Amino acid sequence: MKLSYVVDLKHEDHEWSAGIDGSSYVRDWGVFSVGRAFAVMNGRSDAGIRLRFEVPDGWRVSGSWRDIGAGEFAVSGNDDLSESMFFAGRHEEFKVRRGEFELLFAVGGPKASERKAELSKLANDVLNYYSGLFGGMPKAPPGASLDKILVVVNPGPSTDGEVIGNHISMILDTSGDPMGALFSRFIFAHEFFHLWNGKSFYPASTDEEWFKEGVSNYYTMKALRKAGVLTEEAMFGVMNGLFFQRYSNDEAYGKKAISEVSSGDDKHRHWGMIYGGGMFAGICRDVTIRKATAGGKSLDDVITGLFKDFGGSSEGYSRNELVSRIDKLSIGSERFLNDHVYGAGAVPIDVCLRDAGLDATITDGTLSVKRKANESPEEKARIAAMFGGSE
């Protein structure tokens, strides 16, 4: 039996919770789709699937499967097909490799060649920081693979990113707005961090989305500082303009716990709570750990410890496991997390930043952060360790 069908690509005509980065769409220069949108599967775990694309002259196909040449790809089974993506069109390709690990980029749009050079440098810089932090590349859980990651990047009216399987789809705002451009880089580096925090190791329940998403934002900020993309002044501005404003203006702020709005559609509706509040909770715990251990330990030890113990396994870490690891490094953290992550108390980020050695205040709903005029050597070293860049 032969089955013929047509895939409707007018995705942008409708409202979807995941946005166009998570399903099919069309651009003048090509077509993006995910496997579960175009492939009809029979329910069996078929192996040895072959995909062949027939495309117009001048087009290429960038797929997340094993390329066997002549426009054909080898697919290991239905899971590999349903958790996949591709871009077919007139676009630029480049690869970033670390041993057996490969990132394949498909970059589309009128200025693809210009963005190719910028994204190549940024990808290498952030991967150097992440792999150095964790002491190695991502580790796939049993039955999965993290040796080839497809990253599709296209311009659009607003910035968004989606992880599908092990692969990444990004829409980047190219309007020329400086904050939009910075947010685009933030999403870019954030999604890469998920190859470790989110894919290599992951929480057993949605209560810990604050750690998966918010703490990932903290390390994204560090990566962009290391890459020289984010100056200290810009970083302090981002803390307010991008994160504190969305956190403090979230309708759940001060009324519901971050963990309470972390599942399903709630997660998308409460971006400020999870991505902003979660980041601030992570910063607060980092400060506390560094002060409690005189700089000997940090949040790095928590996150790399999770990678060491859970990376590449089929077991997710529990809330008790996470809280216990943090509390062992700074007694009192369990109460803080119960109050401000698992309880409805607002994260006192101004207090935490002052503990780090910064001049931080919240006035009329605005978080203002700057250097103190008389910071001590200990404060200067702590700030450099937490937020230092390439300067």
Protein backbone atom coordinates (compact mmCIF):
# COMPACT_ATOMS: atom_id res chain seq x y z
CA MET A 1 0.00 0.00 0.00
CA LYS A 2 1.23 3.50 -0.84
CA LEU A 3 0.09 6.50 1.19
CA SER A 4 0.08 10.01 -0.25
CA TYR A 5 -0.72 13.11 1.76
CA VAL A 6 -0.16 16.87 1.84
CA VAL A 7 1.31 18.81 4.78
CA ASP A 8 -0.23 22.25 5.38
CA LEU A 9 2.60 24.69 6.14
CA LYS A 10 0.47 27.74 6.99
CA HIS A 11 1.48 27.39 10.60
CA GLU A 12 1.80 31.11 11.23
CA ASP A 13 -1.89 31.66 10.51
CA HIS A 14 -2.73 30.07 13.87
CA GLU A 15 -1.89 30.53 17.54
CA TRP A 16 0.26 27.69 18.90
CA SER A 17 1.71 27.36 22.39
CA ALA A 18 5.11 26.28 21.08
CA GLY A 19 5.27 28.92 18.34
CA ILE A 20 6.56 28.49 14.81
CA ASP A 21 9.98 27.40 16.08
CA GLY A 22 8.39 24.13 17.24
CA SER A 23 6.49 23.11 14.11
CA SER A 24 6.43 23.58 10.32
CA TYR A 25 6.80 26.92 8.56
CA VAL A 26 7.72 28.34 5.17
CA ARG A 27 10.14 31.10 4.25
CA ASP A 28 10.97 32.55 0.83
CA TRP A 29 14.26 30.66 0.98
CA GLY A 30 13.00 27.29 2.23
CA VAL A 31 10.88 25.05 4.42
CA PHE A 32 11.33 24.00 8.05
CA SER A 33 9.59 21.01 9.60
CA VAL A 34 9.83 18.60 12.49
CA GLY A 35 9.51 14.86 11.96
CA ARG A 36 6.26 14.49 13.84
CA ALA A 37 4.62 17.09 11.58
CA PHE A 38 5.38 15.52 8.20
CA ALA A 39 5.85 11.78 8.87
CA VAL A 40 2.96 9.35 9.28
CA MET A 41 4.17 6.47 11.46
CA ASN A 42 2.54 3.09 11.88
CA GLY A 43 3.07 2.72 15.62
CA ARG A 44 5.73 0.04 15.33
CA SER A 45 9.36 0.69 16.31
CA ASP A 46 10.55 0.34 12.75
CA ALA A 47 14.29 0.29 12.15
CA GLY A 48 16.34 0.95 9.06
CA ILE A 49 14.14 3.77 7.71
CA ARG A 50 15.44 5.73 4.71
CA LEU A 51 14.35 9.26 3.83
CA ARG A 52 14.89 10.74 0.38
CA PHE A 53 14.18 14.36 -0.49
CA GLU A 54 13.49 15.70 -3.97
CA VAL A 55 14.18 19.43 -3.94
CA PRO A 56 14.48 22.22 -6.54
CA ASP A 57 17.85 22.99 -8.12
CA GLY A 58 20.03 25.07 -5.83
CA TRP A 59 18.39 23.75 -2.64
CA ARG A 60 19.99 21.59 0.01
CA VAL A 61 18.55 19.58 2.89
CA SER A 62 20.01 19.87 6.41
CA GLY A 63 18.63 17.03 8.51
CA SER A 64 19.19 15.73 12.01
CA TRP A 65 19.57 12.13 10.79
CA ARG A 66 22.69 10.40 9.42
CA ASP A 67 23.44 11.77 5.97
CA ILE A 68 24.26 8.93 3.56
CA GLY A 69 24.57 11.13 0.47
CA ALA A 70 22.57 11.88 -2.67
CA GLY A 71 19.83 13.61 -0.68
CA GLU A 72 19.17 10.52 1.41
CA PHE A 73 19.23 10.04 5.18
CA ALA A 74 19.32 6.95 7.41
CA VAL A 75 16.84 7.00 10.31
CA SER A 76 17.34 4.56 13.17
CA GLY A 77 13.64 4.20 14.01
CA ASN A 78 10.35 5.94 14.76
CA ASP A 79 11.73 7.77 17.79
CA ASP A 80 14.55 9.18 15.65
CA LEU A 81 11.94 10.26 13.11
CA SER A 82 9.43 11.83 15.50
CA GLU A 83 12.13 13.71 17.50
CA SER A 84 13.80 15.17 14.42
CA MET A 85 13.80 18.28 12.26
CA PHE A 86 15.09 19.48 8.91
CA PHE A 87 15.45 22.59 6.79
CA ALA A 88 15.28 22.37 3.00
CA GLY A 89 16.10 25.42 0.93
CA ARG A 90 18.73 27.96 -0.01
CA HIS A 91 20.60 28.39 3.25
CA GLU A 92 24.10 28.31 4.71
CA GLU A 93 25.58 25.37 6.57
CA PHE A 94 28.52 25.07 8.95
CA LYS A 95 29.69 22.57 11.56
CA VAL A 96 31.22 22.85 15.01
CA ARG A 97 32.96 19.69 16.21
CA ARG A 98 34.40 18.50 19.51
CA GLY A 99 35.69 14.96 19.05
CA GLU A 100 32.71 12.76 18.13
CA PHE A 101 30.29 15.56 19.01
CA GLU A 102 28.97 17.63 16.10
CA LEU A 103 26.75 20.68 15.84
CA LEU A 104 25.36 21.15 12.32
CA PHE A 105 23.99 24.64 11.69
CA ALA A 106 21.47 25.54 9.02
CA VAL A 107 21.28 29.34 8.77
CA GLY A 108 18.66 30.90 6.51
CA GLY A 109 17.58 34.35 5.43
CA PRO A 110 18.79 37.22 3.25
CA LYS A 111 21.91 37.81 5.40
CA ALA A 112 22.70 34.19 6.19
CA SER A 113 26.36 34.43 5.22
CA GLU A 114 26.91 37.36 7.61
CA ARG A 115 25.16 35.61 10.50
CA LYS A 116 27.07 32.41 9.75
CA ALA A 117 30.39 33.99 10.80
CA GLU A 118 28.92 35.57 13.94
CA LEU A 119 27.08 32.44 15.04
CA SER A 120 30.12 30.23 14.39
CA LYS A 121 32.26 32.32 16.73
CA LEU A 122 29.55 32.53 19.39
CA ALA A 123 28.86 28.79 19.23
CA ASN A 124 32.54 27.97 19.68
CA ASP A 125 32.94 30.45 22.55
CA VAL A 126 29.94 29.26 24.55
CA LEU A 127 30.72 25.58 23.93
CA ASN A 128 34.25 26.14 25.20
CA TYR A 129 32.84 27.60 28.41
CA TYR A 130 30.18 24.92 28.89
CA SER A 131 32.46 21.97 28.13
CA GLY A 132 35.12 23.46 30.40
CA LEU A 133 32.59 23.90 33.21
CA PHE A 134 31.32 20.32 33.00
CA GLY A 135 34.65 18.76 32.06
CA GLY A 136 33.34 17.26 28.85
CA MET A 137 30.63 17.12 26.22
CA PRO A 138 26.97 16.15 26.81
CA LYS A 139 26.10 12.58 27.79
CA ALA A 140 23.05 11.00 26.21
CA PRO A 141 20.65 8.89 28.31
CA PRO A 142 20.40 5.18 27.41
CA GLY A 143 18.84 4.65 23.99
CA ALA A 144 19.42 8.27 22.92
CA SER A 145 22.20 10.01 21.04
CA LEU A 146 23.87 13.37 21.53
CA ASP A 147 26.66 13.04 18.99
CA LYS A 148 24.93 15.07 16.24
CA ILE A 149 22.82 18.13 16.99
CA LEU A 150 21.05 20.08 14.24
CA VAL A 151 20.57 23.79 14.90
CA VAL A 152 18.23 25.64 12.53
CA VAL A 153 18.37 29.42 12.66
CA ASN A 154 16.05 31.71 10.72
CA PRO A 155 15.06 35.38 11.04
CA GLY A 156 11.60 36.36 12.19
CA PRO A 157 9.54 39.13 13.82
CA SER A 158 10.40 38.01 17.36
CA THR A 159 12.96 35.78 19.07
CA ASP A 160 12.11 32.29 20.30
CA GLY A 161 13.76 28.89 20.61
CA GLU A 162 12.62 25.31 20.90
CA VAL A 163 14.40 22.03 21.65
CA ILE A 164 12.91 19.10 19.73
CA GLY A 165 14.50 15.83 20.71
CA ASN A 166 18.17 16.77 20.88
CA HIS A 167 17.89 19.41 18.18
CA ILE A 168 17.35 23.15 18.32
CA SER A 169 15.16 25.47 16.29
CA MET A 170 15.59 29.22 16.69
CA ILE A 171 13.85 32.26 15.30
CA LEU A 172 15.99 35.37 15.75
CA ASP A 173 14.73 38.94 15.72
CA THR A 174 16.69 40.82 13.06
CA SER A 175 14.85 44.16 13.40
CA GLY A 176 18.01 45.93 14.53
CA ASP A 177 16.72 46.59 18.06
CA PRO A 178 19.72 46.26 20.45
CA MET A 179 17.71 44.48 23.16
CA GLY A 180 16.22 42.17 20.54
CA ALA A 181 19.69 41.32 19.26
CA LEU A 182 20.92 40.62 22.79
CA PHE A 183 17.88 38.46 23.54
CA SER A 184 18.59 36.51 20.34
CA ARG A 185 22.11 35.72 21.54
CA PHE A 186 20.70 34.82 24.96
CA ILE A 187 18.26 32.30 23.49
CA PHE A 188 21.04 30.92 21.29
CA ALA A 189 23.38 30.26 24.24
CA HIS A 190 20.54 29.16 26.56
CA GLU A 191 19.41 26.38 24.25
CA PHE A 192 22.99 25.06 24.00
CA PHE A 193 23.24 24.85 27.78
CA HIS A 194 20.25 22.51 27.74
CA LEU A 195 22.41 19.89 26.04
CA TRP A 196 23.83 19.45 29.55
CA ASN A 197 21.20 20.85 31.96
CA GLY A 198 18.02 19.37 30.52
CA LYS A 199 19.25 16.66 28.16
CA SER A 200 22.28 15.03 29.84
CA PHE A 201 20.67 15.35 33.28
CA TYR A 202 17.16 16.46 34.08
CA PRO A 203 14.67 16.80 36.95
CA ALA A 204 12.28 14.01 37.86
CA SER A 205 9.38 16.48 38.15
CA THR A 206 8.42 19.91 36.88
CA ASP A 207 8.95 21.39 40.37
CA GLU A 208 12.60 21.77 39.38
CA GLU A 209 11.98 23.68 36.13
CA TRP A 210 13.39 26.70 37.97
CA PHE A 211 16.75 24.94 38.06
CA LYS A 212 16.57 23.62 34.50
CA GLU A 213 15.48 26.92 32.98
CA GLY A 214 16.31 29.69 35.44
CA VAL A 215 19.74 28.44 36.48
CA SER A 216 20.47 27.79 32.80
CA ASN A 217 19.83 31.52 32.27
CA TYR A 218 22.43 32.34 34.93
CA TYR A 219 25.05 30.24 33.15
CA THR A 220 23.96 31.63 29.80
CA MET A 221 24.71 35.09 31.13
CA LYS A 222 28.12 33.88 32.31
CA ALA A 223 28.82 32.35 28.88
CA LEU A 224 27.96 35.57 27.06
CA ARG A 225 30.20 37.50 29.46
CA LYS A 226 33.06 35.08 28.79
CA ALA A 227 32.45 35.40 25.05
CA GLY A 228 32.69 39.19 25.25
CA VAL A 229 29.13 39.61 23.98
CA LEU A 230 27.80 41.02 27.25
CA THR A 231 29.55 43.86 29.06
CA GLU A 232 29.18 44.28 32.80
CA GLU A 233 27.01 47.36 32.36
CA ALA A 234 24.80 45.55 29.84
CA MET A 235 24.55 42.54 32.17
CA PHE A 236 23.27 44.70 35.01
CA GLY A 237 20.77 46.24 32.60
CA VAL A 238 19.63 42.79 31.46
CA MET A 239 19.04 41.72 35.05
CA ASN A 240 16.42 44.44 35.29
CA GLY A 241 15.12 44.99 31.78
CA LEU A 242 14.86 41.38 30.67
CA PHE A 243 14.47 39.40 33.88
CA PHE A 244 13.35 41.44 36.88
CA GLN A 245 10.66 43.29 34.97
CA ARG A 246 9.15 40.08 33.63
CA TYR A 247 9.51 38.39 37.02
CA SER A 248 8.02 41.16 39.16
CA ASN A 249 5.22 41.82 36.66
CA ASP A 250 4.24 38.17 36.33
CA GLU A 251 0.68 37.76 37.59
CA ALA A 252 1.83 34.95 39.91
CA TYR A 253 4.56 37.07 41.53
CA GLY A 254 4.21 37.00 45.32
CA LYS A 255 1.03 34.91 45.03
CA LYS A 256 2.15 31.50 43.85
CA ALA A 257 5.33 29.47 44.17
CA ILE A 258 7.67 29.20 41.18
CA SER A 259 7.28 25.42 41.42
CA GLU A 260 3.50 25.80 41.32
CA VAL A 261 3.45 27.34 37.82
CA SER A 262 6.16 25.18 36.27
CA SER A 263 4.21 22.53 34.40
CA GLY A 264 2.37 22.36 31.07
CA ASP A 265 0.96 25.58 29.66
CA ASP A 266 1.60 27.34 33.00
CA LYS A 267 5.30 27.27 32.21
CA HIS A 268 4.80 29.32 29.04
CA ARG A 269 2.39 31.73 30.72
CA HIS A 270 4.75 32.38 33.62
CA TRP A 271 8.07 32.90 31.84
CA GLY A 272 9.00 35.60 34.33
CA MET A 273 8.56 33.34 37.34
CA ILE A 274 10.53 30.37 36.03
CA TYR A 275 13.17 31.92 33.81
CA GLY A 276 13.58 35.15 35.80
CA GLY A 277 12.71 34.08 39.33
CA GLY A 278 14.57 30.81 38.83
CA MET A 279 17.68 32.65 37.68
CA PHE A 280 17.55 34.96 40.70
CA ALA A 281 17.12 31.99 43.06
CA GLY A 282 20.21 30.42 41.50
CA ILE A 283 22.23 33.63 41.89
CA CYS A 284 21.14 33.87 45.53
CA ARG A 285 22.28 30.33 46.27
CA ASP A 286 25.58 30.90 44.47
CA VAL A 287 26.31 33.94 46.64
CA THR A 288 25.42 32.03 49.81
CA ILE A 289 27.57 29.02 48.93
CA ARG A 290 30.56 31.19 48.02
CA LYS A 291 30.31 33.14 51.29
CA ALA A 292 29.74 30.02 53.41
CA THR A 293 32.82 28.31 51.94
CA ALA A 294 35.05 31.41 51.64
CA GLY A 295 35.01 30.99 47.88
CA GLY A 296 35.97 27.32 47.99
CA LYS A 297 32.66 26.10 46.57
CA SER A 298 29.93 27.54 44.38
CA LEU A 299 26.78 26.66 42.46
CA ASP A 300 29.20 25.21 39.88
CA ASP A 301 29.76 22.31 42.27
CA VAL A 302 26.03 21.61 42.44
CA ILE A 303 25.43 21.62 38.72
CA THR A 304 28.58 19.73 37.77
CA GLY A 305 27.86 17.21 40.53
CA LEU A 306 24.45 16.54 39.00
CA PHE A 307 26.11 16.02 35.61
CA LYS A 308 28.64 13.63 37.13
CA ASP A 309 26.04 11.57 39.00
CA PHE A 310 23.05 11.75 36.66
CA GLY A 311 24.53 12.63 33.26
CA GLY A 312 23.79 9.95 30.69
CA SER A 313 21.44 8.03 33.01
CA SER A 314 17.73 7.34 32.69
CA GLU A 315 17.05 8.64 36.20
CA GLY A 316 16.05 12.23 36.89
CA TYR A 317 17.12 14.00 40.08
CA SER A 318 14.45 14.63 42.70
CA ARG A 319 13.58 17.81 44.58
CA ASN A 320 15.03 16.35 47.77
CA GLU A 321 18.26 15.44 45.97
CA LEU A 322 18.65 18.95 44.57
CA VAL A 323 17.80 20.76 47.80
CA SER A 324 20.06 18.48 49.82
CA ARG A 325 23.04 19.14 47.54
CA ILE A 326 22.60 22.90 47.80
CA ASP A 327 21.94 22.87 51.55
CA LYS A 328 25.07 20.79 52.25
CA LEU A 329 27.16 23.61 50.82
CA SER A 330 25.30 26.41 52.59
CA ILE A 331 23.21 25.54 55.63
CA GLY A 332 19.90 27.41 55.50
CA SER A 333 19.42 27.03 51.76
CA GLU A 334 16.62 24.51 52.30
CA ARG A 335 14.59 27.13 54.14
CA PHE A 336 15.34 29.74 51.46
CA LEU A 337 14.18 27.42 48.68
CA ASN A 338 11.08 26.40 50.61
CA ASP A 339 10.21 30.07 51.07
CA HIS A 340 11.11 31.47 47.63
CA VAL A 341 10.92 28.60 45.12
CA TYR A 342 8.55 26.05 46.63
CA GLY A 343 6.73 28.83 48.50
CA ALA A 344 5.21 32.08 47.24
CA GLY A 345 7.79 34.47 48.71
CA ALA A 346 9.45 36.76 46.16
CA VAL A 347 13.17 36.11 45.63
CA PRO A 348 15.05 38.97 47.39
CA ILE A 349 17.48 39.48 44.54
CA ASP A 350 18.51 42.96 45.71
CA VAL A 351 19.58 41.53 49.09
CA CYS A 352 21.46 38.68 47.40
CA LEU A 353 23.32 41.00 45.04
CA ARG A 354 24.30 43.21 47.98
CA ASP A 355 25.60 40.08 49.72
CA ALA A 356 27.72 39.46 46.63
CA GLY A 357 29.25 42.92 47.08
CA LEU A 358 27.24 44.97 44.59
CA ASP A 359 25.19 48.12 45.08
CA ALA A 360 21.67 46.81 44.36
CA THR A 361 18.29 48.40 45.10
CA ILE A 362 14.68 47.98 44.04
CA THR A 363 12.93 51.33 43.71
CA ASP A 364 9.54 51.90 42.08
CA GLY A 365 9.60 48.44 40.56
CA THR A 366 13.08 48.81 39.02
CA LEU A 367 16.13 46.75 39.94
CA SER A 368 19.23 48.96 39.87
CA VAL A 369 22.62 47.22 40.01
CA LYS A 370 26.06 48.78 39.94
CA ARG A 371 29.50 48.48 41.49
CA LYS A 372 30.14 49.81 44.98
CA ALA A 373 32.59 52.67 45.21
CA ASN A 374 34.45 51.00 48.09
CA GLU A 375 34.23 47.26 47.39
CA SER A 376 36.55 45.09 49.42
CA PRO A 377 39.10 42.72 47.85
CA GLU A 378 36.87 39.79 48.85
CA GLU A 379 33.84 41.38 47.19
CA LYS A 380 35.79 42.20 44.06
CA ALA A 381 37.02 38.59 43.79
CA ARG A 382 33.51 37.22 44.41
CA ILE A 383 31.94 39.44 41.74
CA ALA A 384 34.65 38.49 39.27
CA ALA A 385 34.08 34.78 39.98
CA MET A 386 30.31 35.09 39.60
CA PHE A 387 29.97 37.62 36.80
CA GLY A 388 33.43 38.12 35.32
CA GLY A 389 33.81 38.46 31.58
CA SER A 390 36.59 38.64 29.04
CA GLU A 391 37.69 42.18 29.94
